[in-house]
Amino acid sequence: MMSAVPASQVDPVWFYYLLSTIDFNLISSGSALPYLTVKDLSKIQIDLPTKREQEAIANVLGALDDKIELNRRMNETLEATARAIFKDWFVDFGPTRAKMDGRVRYLAADIWSLFPDRLDDKGKPEGWELRPVGDFAELRGGKQLEKERITSVGTIPVFGGAGFMGFTEKHNAEGFVISVGRVGAYCGQFFSHRGKAWINNNASLISQFQGVSGEWLFQSLRHADIEIIKKGAAQPFVSNTDVGNMLIVWPGENTVSNFKDIIVPLMLKIEQNDTEASTLAATRDLLLPKLMSGEVRVSDATALV
């Protein structure tokens, strides 16, 4: 039993992974409100590998988790970069303000020339327009998917009122998919996915028209003030009509095209990192019980990783 094993013979990282393989529901006390006691924990019996074997297992699993964490941090940086560029160009109007203040150019000359020299009386660059979302996309409600068809692993994501719900084998949208939570506490949040997706009944699909950059539209929606169109207190919601009537800044096709050229590689890298992280997590979850039971040898797992 683990209580009789000296701490010096147990690698703490290996022990952490070991605990994640145990179904504590099978040994907990109580029924209405299950709980664990020291006595419950003392009932757990395990096969204890040598310290060197424990460390080797911990290194394999730790390497996978380290790479997953690295991908997560990289994506945070890439996402922040994408949002900062959009905010500077289309929210703060940084290049135009820099021209008005006589400051040094900080973008490539061909991109710099796309920005007007001054702001109009509405505070936006001269010549740029305020146009409704409905000029760029059609909104339609999602369709309910049976709970048993939503799984924790897969390739086609499901988006609902609060965003990502899991995966399924069906799809009702594809391409550069934009969805918005329509009902619930998290309504008004926008999500994107490149490929096939299922938009569930508490969300809406924002299907951009031919020739409209989904990447630009997605960032525009995320920076829009959607709080002003939320309705309901007990059950907040946003209507497709109100989202379609929201005004966003339209800078013209050339400016959007240049923004897309910069932003798409960042988004593709984010998506690549997410896919890799999902694969690594699935690999870790597959190896974890097999390594702990000895079904898979550390040398084989190391080669696989």
C-alpha atoms as a PDB file:
ATOM      1  CA  MET A   1       0.000   0.000   0.000  1.00  0.00           C
ATOM      2  CA  MET A   2       1.218   3.493  -0.764  1.00  0.00           C
ATOM      3  CA  SER A   3       1.202   4.595   2.880  1.00  0.00           C
ATOM      4  CA  ALA A   4       4.000   2.106   3.645  1.00  0.00           C
ATOM      5  CA  VAL A   5       6.284   3.297   0.856  1.00  0.00           C
ATOM      6  CA  PRO A   6       9.009   5.799   1.828  1.00  0.00           C
ATOM      7  CA  ALA A   7       8.583   9.135   0.040  1.00  0.00           C
ATOM      8  CA  SER A   8      12.129   8.883  -1.265  1.00  0.00           C
ATOM      9  CA  GLN A   9      11.065   5.938  -3.427  1.00  0.00           C
ATOM     10  CA  VAL A  10       8.247   7.834  -5.157  1.00  0.00           C
ATOM     11  CA  ASP A  11       8.740  10.361  -7.940  1.00  0.00           C
ATOM     12  CA  PRO A  12       6.193  13.182  -7.313  1.00  0.00           C
ATOM     13  CA  VAL A  13       5.489  13.824 -10.994  1.00  0.00           C
ATOM     14  CA  TRP A  14       4.895  10.133 -11.637  1.00  0.00           C
ATOM     15  CA  PHE A  15       2.602  10.046  -8.584  1.00  0.00           C
ATOM     16  CA  TYR A  16       0.623  13.004  -9.965  1.00  0.00           C
ATOM     17  CA  TYR A  17       0.010  11.135 -13.218  1.00  0.00           C
ATOM     18  CA  LEU A  18      -0.825   7.974 -11.285  1.00  0.00           C
ATOM     19  CA  LEU A  19      -3.560   9.772  -9.345  1.00  0.00           C
ATOM     20  CA  SER A  20      -5.162  10.916 -12.609  1.00  0.00           C
ATOM     21  CA  THR A  21      -5.734   7.253 -13.569  1.00  0.00           C
ATOM     22  CA  ILE A  22      -7.681   6.376 -10.436  1.00  0.00           C
ATOM     23  CA  ASP A  23     -11.474   6.503 -10.400  1.00  0.00           C
ATOM     24  CA  PHE A  24     -12.029   7.888  -6.918  1.00  0.00           C
ATOM     25  CA  ASN A  25     -15.793   7.440  -7.266  1.00  0.00           C
ATOM     26  CA  LEU A  26     -15.248   3.713  -6.817  1.00  0.00           C
ATOM     27  CA  ILE A  27     -13.677   4.120  -3.385  1.00  0.00           C
ATOM     28  CA  SER A  28     -15.402   7.231  -1.996  1.00  0.00           C
ATOM     29  CA  SER A  29     -17.687   7.132   1.025  1.00  0.00           C
ATOM     30  CA  GLY A  30     -21.224   8.498   1.178  1.00  0.00           C
ATOM     31  CA  SER A  31     -23.946   8.419  -1.438  1.00  0.00           C
ATOM     32  CA  ALA A  32     -25.852  11.715  -1.511  1.00  0.00           C
ATOM     33  CA  LEU A  33     -22.595  13.652  -1.035  1.00  0.00           C
ATOM     34  CA  PRO A  34     -19.577  11.440  -1.812  1.00  0.00           C
ATOM     35  CA  TYR A  35     -16.311  12.209  -0.009  1.00  0.00           C
ATOM     36  CA  LEU A  36     -12.875  10.680   0.447  1.00  0.00           C
ATOM     37  CA  THR A  37     -11.298   9.748   3.761  1.00  0.00           C
ATOM     38  CA  VAL A  38      -7.744   8.777   4.633  1.00  0.00           C
ATOM     39  CA  LYS A  39      -9.053   5.255   5.114  1.00  0.00           C
ATOM     40  CA  ASP A  40     -10.506   5.290   1.585  1.00  0.00           C
ATOM     41  CA  LEU A  41      -7.169   6.399   0.169  1.00  0.00           C
ATOM     42  CA  SER A  42      -5.298   3.746   2.144  1.00  0.00           C
ATOM     43  CA  LYS A  43      -7.295   1.052   0.350  1.00  0.00           C
ATOM     44  CA  ILE A  44      -5.658   1.889  -2.974  1.00  0.00           C
ATOM     45  CA  GLN A  45      -3.077  -0.690  -3.987  1.00  0.00           C
ATOM     46  CA  ILE A  46      -0.680  -0.156  -6.867  1.00  0.00           C
ATOM     47  CA  ASP A  47       2.272  -1.807  -8.540  1.00  0.00           C
ATOM     48  CA  LEU A  48       5.234   0.394  -7.723  1.00  0.00           C
ATOM     49  CA  PRO A  49       7.918   0.536 -10.448  1.00  0.00           C
ATOM     50  CA  THR A  50      11.495   1.363  -9.598  1.00  0.00           C
ATOM     51  CA  LYS A  51      12.314   5.020  -9.032  1.00  0.00           C
ATOM     52  CA  ARG A  52      14.182   5.117 -12.339  1.00  0.00           C
ATOM     53  CA  GLU A  53      11.148   3.682 -14.152  1.00  0.00           C
ATOM     54  CA  GLN A  54       8.871   6.227 -12.461  1.00  0.00           C
ATOM     55  CA  GLU A  55      11.124   9.072 -13.562  1.00  0.00           C
ATOM     56  CA  ALA A  56      11.209   7.755 -17.121  1.00  0.00           C
ATOM     57  CA  ILE A  57       7.395   7.564 -17.276  1.00  0.00           C
ATOM     58  CA  ALA A  58       7.113  11.063 -15.807  1.00  0.00           C
ATOM     59  CA  ASN A  59       9.553  12.399 -18.402  1.00  0.00           C
ATOM     60  CA  VAL A  60       7.546  10.965 -21.299  1.00  0.00           C
ATOM     61  CA  LEU A  61       4.206  12.288 -20.070  1.00  0.00           C
ATOM     62  CA  GLY A  62       5.748  15.556 -18.906  1.00  0.00           C
ATOM     63  CA  ALA A  63       7.279  16.176 -22.328  1.00  0.00           C
ATOM     64  CA  LEU A  64       3.818  15.915 -23.906  1.00  0.00           C
ATOM     65  CA  ASP A  65       2.282  18.277 -21.354  1.00  0.00           C
ATOM     66  CA  ASP A  66       5.165  20.726 -21.727  1.00  0.00           C
ATOM     67  CA  LYS A  67       4.609  20.923 -25.489  1.00  0.00           C
ATOM     68  CA  ILE A  68       0.856  21.371 -25.003  1.00  0.00           C
ATOM     69  CA  GLU A  69       1.544  24.231 -22.587  1.00  0.00           C
ATOM     70  CA  LEU A  70       4.077  25.770 -24.979  1.00  0.00           C
ATOM     71  CA  ASN A  71       1.493  25.719 -27.773  1.00  0.00           C
ATOM     72  CA  ARG A  72      -1.037  27.367 -25.469  1.00  0.00           C
ATOM     73  CA  ARG A  73       1.375  30.190 -24.599  1.00  0.00           C
ATOM     74  CA  MET A  74       2.341  30.642 -28.246  1.00  0.00           C
ATOM     75  CA  ASN A  75      -1.317  30.945 -29.179  1.00  0.00           C
ATOM     76  CA  GLU A  76      -1.889  33.546 -26.484  1.00  0.00           C
ATOM     77  CA  THR A  77       0.897  35.627 -28.020  1.00  0.00           C
ATOM     78  CA  LEU A  78      -0.335  35.140 -31.600  1.00  0.00           C
ATOM     79  CA  GLU A  79      -3.915  35.958 -30.603  1.00  0.00           C
ATOM     80  CA  ALA A  80      -2.791  39.083 -28.763  1.00  0.00           C
ATOM     81  CA  THR A  81      -0.779  40.150 -31.810  1.00  0.00           C
ATOM     82  CA  ALA A  82      -3.752  39.707 -34.160  1.00  0.00           C
ATOM     83  CA  ARG A  83      -6.053  41.672 -31.889  1.00  0.00           C
ATOM     84  CA  ALA A  84      -3.481  44.429 -31.371  1.00  0.00           C
ATOM     85  CA  ILE A  85      -3.047  44.919 -35.123  1.00  0.00           C
ATOM     86  CA  PHE A  86      -6.800  45.070 -35.675  1.00  0.00           C
ATOM     87  CA  LYS A  87      -7.301  47.483 -32.770  1.00  0.00           C
ATOM     88  CA  ASP A  88      -4.548  49.802 -33.993  1.00  0.00           C
ATOM     89  CA  TRP A  89      -5.848  49.881 -37.573  1.00  0.00           C
ATOM     90  CA  PHE A  90      -9.617  49.806 -37.166  1.00  0.00           C
ATOM     91  CA  VAL A  91     -10.443  50.867 -33.595  1.00  0.00           C
ATOM     92  CA  ASP A  92      -7.792  53.380 -32.539  1.00  0.00           C
ATOM     93  CA  PHE A  93      -7.035  54.426 -36.156  1.00  0.00           C
ATOM     94  CA  GLY A  94      -3.366  54.576 -35.192  1.00  0.00           C
ATOM     95  CA  PRO A  95      -1.847  55.259 -38.636  1.00  0.00           C
ATOM     96  CA  THR A  96      -4.250  58.126 -39.351  1.00  0.00           C
ATOM     97  CA  ARG A  97      -3.662  59.657 -35.933  1.00  0.00           C
ATOM     98  CA  ALA A  98       0.098  59.299 -36.437  1.00  0.00           C
ATOM     99  CA  LYS A  99      -0.177  61.188 -39.736  1.00  0.00           C
ATOM    100  CA  MET A 100      -2.214  63.938 -38.091  1.00  0.00           C
ATOM    101  CA  ASP A 101       0.389  64.263 -35.315  1.00  0.00           C
ATOM    102  CA  GLY A 102       3.295  64.216 -37.749  1.00  0.00           C
ATOM    103  CA  ARG A 103       4.756  61.079 -36.209  1.00  0.00           C
ATOM    104  CA  VAL A 104       7.125  58.673 -37.961  1.00  0.00           C
ATOM    105  CA  ARG A 105       5.637  56.008 -40.253  1.00  0.00           C
ATOM    106  CA  TYR A 106       5.572  52.592 -38.567  1.00  0.00           C
ATOM    107  CA  LEU A 107       4.073  50.455 -41.340  1.00  0.00           C
ATOM    108  CA  ALA A 108       5.301  49.538 -44.817  1.00  0.00           C
ATOM    109  CA  ALA A 109       4.870  52.433 -47.223  1.00  0.00           C
ATOM    110  CA  ASP A 110       2.258  50.686 -49.391  1.00  0.00           C
ATOM    111  CA  ILE A 111       0.128  49.899 -46.331  1.00  0.00           C
ATOM    112  CA  TRP A 112       0.702  53.332 -44.793  1.00  0.00           C
ATOM    113  CA  SER A 113      -0.667  54.989 -47.907  1.00  0.00           C
ATOM    114  CA  LEU A 114      -3.998  53.179 -47.478  1.00  0.00           C
ATOM    115  CA  PHE A 115      -4.835  55.166 -44.347  1.00  0.00           C
ATOM    116  CA  PRO A 116      -6.448  58.617 -44.733  1.00  0.00           C
ATOM    117  CA  ASP A 117      -4.559  61.661 -43.502  1.00  0.00           C
ATOM    118  CA  ARG A 118      -7.266  62.854 -41.107  1.00  0.00           C
ATOM    119  CA  LEU A 119     -10.362  61.862 -39.166  1.00  0.00           C
ATOM    120  CA  ASP A 120     -13.848  63.009 -40.132  1.00  0.00           C
ATOM    121  CA  ASP A 121     -16.378  64.682 -37.837  1.00  0.00           C
ATOM    122  CA  LYS A 122     -17.468  61.242 -36.552  1.00  0.00           C
ATOM    123  CA  GLY A 123     -13.955  60.387 -35.394  1.00  0.00           C
ATOM    124  CA  LYS A 124     -13.162  57.802 -38.068  1.00  0.00           C
ATOM    125  CA  PRO A 125     -10.739  58.080 -40.988  1.00  0.00           C
ATOM    126  CA  GLU A 126     -12.100  60.176 -43.847  1.00  0.00           C
ATOM    127  CA  GLY A 127     -13.758  58.038 -46.508  1.00  0.00           C
ATOM    128  CA  TRP A 128     -14.285  55.052 -44.246  1.00  0.00           C
ATOM    129  CA  GLU A 129     -17.877  53.996 -43.659  1.00  0.00           C
ATOM    130  CA  LEU A 130     -20.047  52.704 -40.839  1.00  0.00           C
ATOM    131  CA  ARG A 131     -22.003  49.804 -42.273  1.00  0.00           C
ATOM    132  CA  PRO A 132     -24.281  47.153 -40.723  1.00  0.00           C
ATOM    133  CA  VAL A 133     -23.046  43.603 -40.241  1.00  0.00           C
ATOM    134  CA  GLY A 134     -25.888  42.515 -42.519  1.00  0.00           C
ATOM    135  CA  ASP A 135     -24.062  44.098 -45.470  1.00  0.00           C
ATOM    136  CA  PHE A 136     -21.324  41.493 -45.077  1.00  0.00           C
ATOM    137  CA  ALA A 137     -23.002  38.342 -43.787  1.00  0.00           C
ATOM    138  CA  GLU A 138     -26.240  36.471 -43.264  1.00  0.00           C
ATOM    139  CA  LEU A 139     -27.234  35.328 -39.777  1.00  0.00           C
ATOM    140  CA  ARG A 140     -29.223  32.189 -39.125  1.00  0.00           C
ATOM    141  CA  GLY A 141     -29.913  30.210 -35.980  1.00  0.00           C
ATOM    142  CA  GLY A 142     -28.220  26.909 -35.291  1.00  0.00           C
ATOM    143  CA  LYS A 143     -29.922  23.555 -35.018  1.00  0.00           C
ATOM    144  CA  GLN A 144     -30.173  21.371 -31.924  1.00  0.00           C
ATOM    145  CA  LEU A 145     -27.876  18.359 -31.814  1.00  0.00           C
ATOM    146  CA  GLU A 146     -28.700  15.412 -29.585  1.00  0.00           C
ATOM    147  CA  LYS A 147     -26.447  15.282 -26.496  1.00  0.00           C
ATOM    148  CA  GLU A 148     -25.394  11.709 -27.220  1.00  0.00           C
ATOM    149  CA  ARG A 149     -23.909  12.864 -30.528  1.00  0.00           C
ATOM    150  CA  ILE A 150     -21.504  15.276 -28.801  1.00  0.00           C
ATOM    151  CA  THR A 151     -18.215  13.685 -27.716  1.00  0.00           C
ATOM    152  CA  SER A 152     -15.010  14.850 -26.029  1.00  0.00           C
ATOM    153  CA  VAL A 153     -12.797  13.910 -28.983  1.00  0.00           C
ATOM    154  CA  GLY A 154     -13.174  14.380 -32.716  1.00  0.00           C
ATOM    155  CA  THR A 155     -12.485  16.768 -35.568  1.00  0.00           C
ATOM    156  CA  ILE A 156     -15.775  18.647 -36.101  1.00  0.00           C
ATOM    157  CA  PRO A 157     -16.400  21.102 -33.232  1.00  0.00           C
ATOM    158  CA  VAL A 158     -19.825  21.983 -31.858  1.00  0.00           C
ATOM    159  CA  PHE A 159     -20.511  25.618 -30.896  1.00  0.00           C
ATOM    160  CA  GLY A 160     -23.383  26.598 -28.616  1.00  0.00           C
ATOM    161  CA  GLY A 161     -24.482  29.571 -26.541  1.00  0.00           C
ATOM    162  CA  ALA A 162     -21.283  29.524 -24.455  1.00  0.00           C
ATOM    163  CA  GLY A 163     -18.929  28.536 -27.267  1.00  0.00           C
ATOM    164  CA  PHE A 164     -17.192  25.200 -27.778  1.00  0.00           C
ATOM    165  CA  MET A 165     -19.226  22.223 -26.524  1.00  0.00           C
ATOM    166  CA  GLY A 166     -17.328  19.206 -27.857  1.00  0.00           C
ATOM    167  CA  PHE A 167     -17.129  17.317 -31.137  1.00  0.00           C
ATOM    168  CA  THR A 168     -19.486  15.482 -33.442  1.00  0.00           C
ATOM    169  CA  GLU A 169     -19.451  13.645 -36.788  1.00  0.00           C
ATOM    170  CA  LYS A 170     -21.990  15.941 -38.476  1.00  0.00           C
ATOM    171  CA  HIS A 171     -21.725  19.531 -39.700  1.00  0.00           C
ATOM    172  CA  ASN A 172     -24.071  22.334 -40.698  1.00  0.00           C
ATOM    173  CA  ALA A 173     -21.411  24.910 -41.541  1.00  0.00           C
ATOM    174  CA  GLU A 174     -18.012  24.923 -43.226  1.00  0.00           C
ATOM    175  CA  GLY A 175     -15.329  27.281 -44.493  1.00  0.00           C
ATOM    176  CA  PHE A 176     -14.264  30.091 -42.212  1.00  0.00           C
ATOM    177  CA  VAL A 177     -17.057  29.603 -39.687  1.00  0.00           C
ATOM    178  CA  ILE A 178     -18.121  32.428 -37.360  1.00  0.00           C
ATOM    179  CA  SER A 179     -20.672  31.797 -34.635  1.00  0.00           C
ATOM    180  CA  VAL A 180     -22.181  33.915 -31.896  1.00  0.00           C
ATOM    181  CA  GLY A 181     -23.711  32.745 -28.631  1.00  0.00           C
ATOM    182  CA  ARG A 182     -27.355  33.791 -28.923  1.00  0.00           C
ATOM    183  CA  VAL A 183     -28.899  32.706 -25.607  1.00  0.00           C
ATOM    184  CA  GLY A 184     -27.561  32.411 -22.070  1.00  0.00           C
ATOM    185  CA  ALA A 185     -25.074  34.052 -19.732  1.00  0.00           C
ATOM    186  CA  TYR A 186     -22.326  34.078 -22.372  1.00  0.00           C
ATOM    187  CA  CYS A 187     -24.467  35.320 -25.253  1.00  0.00           C
ATOM    188  CA  GLY A 188     -22.792  37.824 -27.525  1.00  0.00           C
ATOM    189  CA  GLN A 189     -19.424  36.071 -27.620  1.00  0.00           C
ATOM    190  CA  PHE A 190     -18.018  35.290 -31.056  1.00  0.00           C
ATOM    191  CA  PHE A 191     -16.090  32.175 -32.038  1.00  0.00           C
ATOM    192  CA  SER A 192     -14.351  31.106 -35.232  1.00  0.00           C
ATOM    193  CA  HIS A 193     -13.235  27.845 -36.789  1.00  0.00           C
ATOM    194  CA  ARG A 194     -11.733  26.980 -40.157  1.00  0.00           C
ATOM    195  CA  GLY A 195     -13.304  23.860 -41.628  1.00  0.00           C
ATOM    196  CA  LYS A 196     -16.496  21.982 -40.821  1.00  0.00           C
ATOM    197  CA  ALA A 197     -18.491  22.773 -37.682  1.00  0.00           C
ATOM    198  CA  TRP A 198     -21.874  22.290 -36.089  1.00  0.00           C
ATOM    199  CA  ILE A 199     -23.713  25.403 -34.831  1.00  0.00           C
ATOM    200  CA  ASN A 200     -26.090  24.345 -32.073  1.00  0.00           C
ATOM    201  CA  ASN A 201     -29.504  25.804 -31.308  1.00  0.00           C
ATOM    202  CA  ASN A 202     -28.403  28.415 -28.727  1.00  0.00           C
ATOM    203  CA  ALA A 203     -25.973  29.955 -31.203  1.00  0.00           C
ATOM    204  CA  SER A 204     -26.164  31.521 -34.656  1.00  0.00           C
ATOM    205  CA  LEU A 205     -24.019  31.125 -37.751  1.00  0.00           C
ATOM    206  CA  ILE A 206     -22.669  34.336 -39.257  1.00  0.00           C
ATOM    207  CA  SER A 207     -22.155  33.295 -42.864  1.00  0.00           C
ATOM    208  CA  GLN A 208     -20.112  35.912 -44.710  1.00  0.00           C
ATOM    209  CA  PHE A 209     -21.027  36.751 -48.280  1.00  0.00           C
ATOM    210  CA  GLN A 210     -18.821  35.813 -51.217  1.00  0.00           C
ATOM    211  CA  GLY A 211     -15.662  37.916 -51.282  1.00  0.00           C
ATOM    212  CA  VAL A 212     -15.921  39.085 -47.663  1.00  0.00           C
ATOM    213  CA  SER A 213     -12.901  38.333 -45.476  1.00  0.00           C
ATOM    214  CA  GLY A 214     -14.076  36.157 -42.604  1.00  0.00           C
ATOM    215  CA  GLU A 215     -10.932  36.978 -40.632  1.00  0.00           C
ATOM    216  CA  TRP A 216     -11.598  40.729 -40.846  1.00  0.00           C
ATOM    217  CA  LEU A 217     -15.297  40.289 -40.073  1.00  0.00           C
ATOM    218  CA  PHE A 218     -14.552  38.086 -37.053  1.00  0.00           C
ATOM    219  CA  GLN A 219     -12.211  40.669 -35.544  1.00  0.00           C
ATOM    220  CA  SER A 220     -14.712  43.449 -36.298  1.00  0.00           C
ATOM    221  CA  LEU A 221     -17.440  41.572 -34.462  1.00  0.00           C
ATOM    222  CA  ARG A 222     -15.213  40.873 -31.468  1.00  0.00           C
ATOM    223  CA  HIS A 223     -14.503  44.595 -31.110  1.00  0.00           C
ATOM    224  CA  ALA A 224     -18.119  45.703 -31.588  1.00  0.00           C
ATOM    225  CA  ASP A 225     -20.118  46.902 -28.584  1.00  0.00           C
ATOM    226  CA  ILE A 226     -22.630  44.076 -28.407  1.00  0.00           C
ATOM    227  CA  GLU A 227     -23.711  44.906 -24.839  1.00  0.00           C
ATOM    228  CA  ILE A 228     -26.081  47.567 -26.140  1.00  0.00           C
ATOM    229  CA  ILE A 229     -28.183  44.993 -28.011  1.00  0.00           C
ATOM    230  CA  LYS A 230     -28.438  42.357 -25.274  1.00  0.00           C
ATOM    231  CA  LYS A 231     -31.950  41.792 -23.960  1.00  0.00           C
ATOM    232  CA  GLY A 232     -33.463  39.893 -21.059  1.00  0.00           C
ATOM    233  CA  ALA A 233     -32.308  39.647 -17.463  1.00  0.00           C
ATOM    234  CA  ALA A 234     -33.002  36.129 -16.247  1.00  0.00           C
ATOM    235  CA  GLN A 235     -32.125  34.686 -19.648  1.00  0.00           C
ATOM    236  CA  PRO A 236     -30.019  37.153 -21.681  1.00  0.00           C
ATOM    237  CA  PHE A 237     -30.138  36.877 -25.466  1.00  0.00           C
ATOM    238  CA  VAL A 238     -29.193  38.693 -28.643  1.00  0.00           C
ATOM    239  CA  SER A 239     -31.332  38.526 -31.753  1.00  0.00           C
ATOM    240  CA  ASN A 240     -30.037  37.843 -35.242  1.00  0.00           C
ATOM    241  CA  THR A 241     -31.725  41.027 -36.433  1.00  0.00           C
ATOM    242  CA  ASP A 242     -29.954  43.172 -33.845  1.00  0.00           C
ATOM    243  CA  VAL A 243     -26.563  41.604 -34.616  1.00  0.00           C
ATOM    244  CA  GLY A 244     -27.196  42.157 -38.324  1.00  0.00           C
ATOM    245  CA  ASN A 245     -27.972  45.825 -37.669  1.00  0.00           C
ATOM    246  CA  MET A 246     -24.814  46.472 -35.622  1.00  0.00           C
ATOM    247  CA  LEU A 247     -22.556  49.030 -37.256  1.00  0.00           C
ATOM    248  CA  ILE A 248     -18.911  48.213 -37.963  1.00  0.00           C
ATOM    249  CA  VAL A 249     -16.206  50.249 -39.661  1.00  0.00           C
ATOM    250  CA  TRP A 250     -15.660  49.457 -43.343  1.00  0.00           C
ATOM    251  CA  PRO A 251     -12.224  50.724 -44.482  1.00  0.00           C
ATOM    252  CA  GLY A 252     -12.441  49.547 -48.098  1.00  0.00           C
ATOM    253  CA  GLU A 253     -11.358  46.397 -49.911  1.00  0.00           C
ATOM    254  CA  ASN A 254      -7.662  47.289 -50.307  1.00  0.00           C
ATOM    255  CA  THR A 255      -7.159  47.908 -46.596  1.00  0.00           C
ATOM    256  CA  VAL A 256      -9.035  44.745 -45.634  1.00  0.00           C
ATOM    257  CA  SER A 257      -7.034  42.729 -48.171  1.00  0.00           C
ATOM    258  CA  ASN A 258      -3.738  43.924 -46.679  1.00  0.00           C
ATOM    259  CA  PHE A 259      -5.001  43.206 -43.175  1.00  0.00           C
ATOM    260  CA  LYS A 260      -5.969  39.699 -44.272  1.00  0.00           C
ATOM    261  CA  ASP A 261      -2.490  39.065 -45.729  1.00  0.00           C
ATOM    262  CA  ILE A 262      -0.979  39.848 -42.330  1.00  0.00           C
ATOM    263  CA  ILE A 263      -3.555  38.208 -40.096  1.00  0.00           C
ATOM    264  CA  VAL A 264      -4.256  34.910 -41.887  1.00  0.00           C
ATOM    265  CA  PRO A 265      -0.753  33.434 -41.292  1.00  0.00           C
ATOM    266  CA  LEU A 266      -1.154  34.194 -37.583  1.00  0.00           C
ATOM    267  CA  MET A 267      -4.557  32.504 -37.442  1.00  0.00           C
ATOM    268  CA  LEU A 268      -3.326  29.496 -39.405  1.00  0.00           C
ATOM    269  CA  LYS A 269      -0.467  29.082 -36.929  1.00  0.00           C
ATOM    270  CA  ILE A 270      -2.941  29.262 -34.033  1.00  0.00           C
ATOM    271  CA  GLU A 271      -5.073  26.585 -35.677  1.00  0.00           C
ATOM    272  CA  GLN A 272      -2.009  24.425 -36.362  1.00  0.00           C
ATOM    273  CA  ASN A 273      -0.950  24.698 -32.704  1.00  0.00           C
ATOM    274  CA  ASP A 274      -4.455  23.800 -31.534  1.00  0.00           C
ATOM    275  CA  THR A 275      -4.531  20.723 -33.769  1.00  0.00           C
ATOM    276  CA  GLU A 276      -1.102  19.641 -32.578  1.00  0.00           C
ATOM    277  CA  ALA A 277      -2.067  20.164 -28.934  1.00  0.00           C
ATOM    278  CA  SER A 278      -5.197  18.054 -29.406  1.00  0.00           C
ATOM    279  CA  THR A 279      -3.109  15.264 -30.943  1.00  0.00           C
ATOM    280  CA  LEU A 280      -0.577  15.463 -28.123  1.00  0.00           C
ATOM    281  CA  ALA A 281      -3.322  15.378 -25.477  1.00  0.00           C
ATOM    282  CA  ALA A 282      -4.902  12.338 -27.118  1.00  0.00           C
ATOM    283  CA  THR A 283      -1.492  10.640 -27.234  1.00  0.00           C
ATOM    284  CA  ARG A 284      -0.885  11.410 -23.549  1.00  0.00           C
ATOM    285  CA  ASP A 285      -4.305  10.124 -22.537  1.00  0.00           C
ATOM    286  CA  LEU A 286      -3.718   6.938 -24.534  1.00  0.00           C
ATOM    287  CA  LEU A 287      -0.265   6.303 -23.098  1.00  0.00           C
ATOM    288  CA  LEU A 288      -0.996   7.252 -19.494  1.00  0.00           C
ATOM    289  CA  PRO A 289      -2.871   4.125 -18.318  1.00  0.00           C
ATOM    290  CA  LYS A 290      -0.759   1.847 -20.505  1.00  0.00           C
ATOM    291  CA  LEU A 291       2.495   3.186 -19.066  1.00  0.00           C
ATOM    292  CA  MET A 292       1.205   2.940 -15.524  1.00  0.00           C
ATOM    293  CA  SER A 293       0.067  -0.652 -16.012  1.00  0.00           C
ATOM    294  CA  GLY A 294       3.237  -1.678 -17.837  1.00  0.00           C
ATOM    295  CA  GLU A 295       1.299  -2.572 -20.986  1.00  0.00           C
ATOM    296  CA  VAL A 296       3.515  -0.140 -22.929  1.00  0.00           C
ATOM    297  CA  ARG A 297       7.238   0.033 -22.254  1.00  0.00           C
ATOM    298  CA  VAL A 298       8.825   3.421 -21.662  1.00  0.00           C
ATOM    299  CA  SER A 299      11.273   2.898 -24.529  1.00  0.00           C
ATOM    300  CA  ASP A 300       8.383   2.326 -26.964  1.00  0.00           C
ATOM    301  CA  ALA A 301       6.486   5.365 -25.655  1.00  0.00           C
ATOM    302  CA  THR A 302       9.606   7.512 -25.938  1.00  0.00           C
ATOM    303  CA  ALA A 303      10.051   6.474 -29.567  1.00  0.00           C
ATOM    304  CA  LEU A 304       6.415   7.320 -30.275  1.00  0.00           C
ATOM    305  CA  VAL A 305       6.660  10.736 -28.644  1.00  0.00           C
END
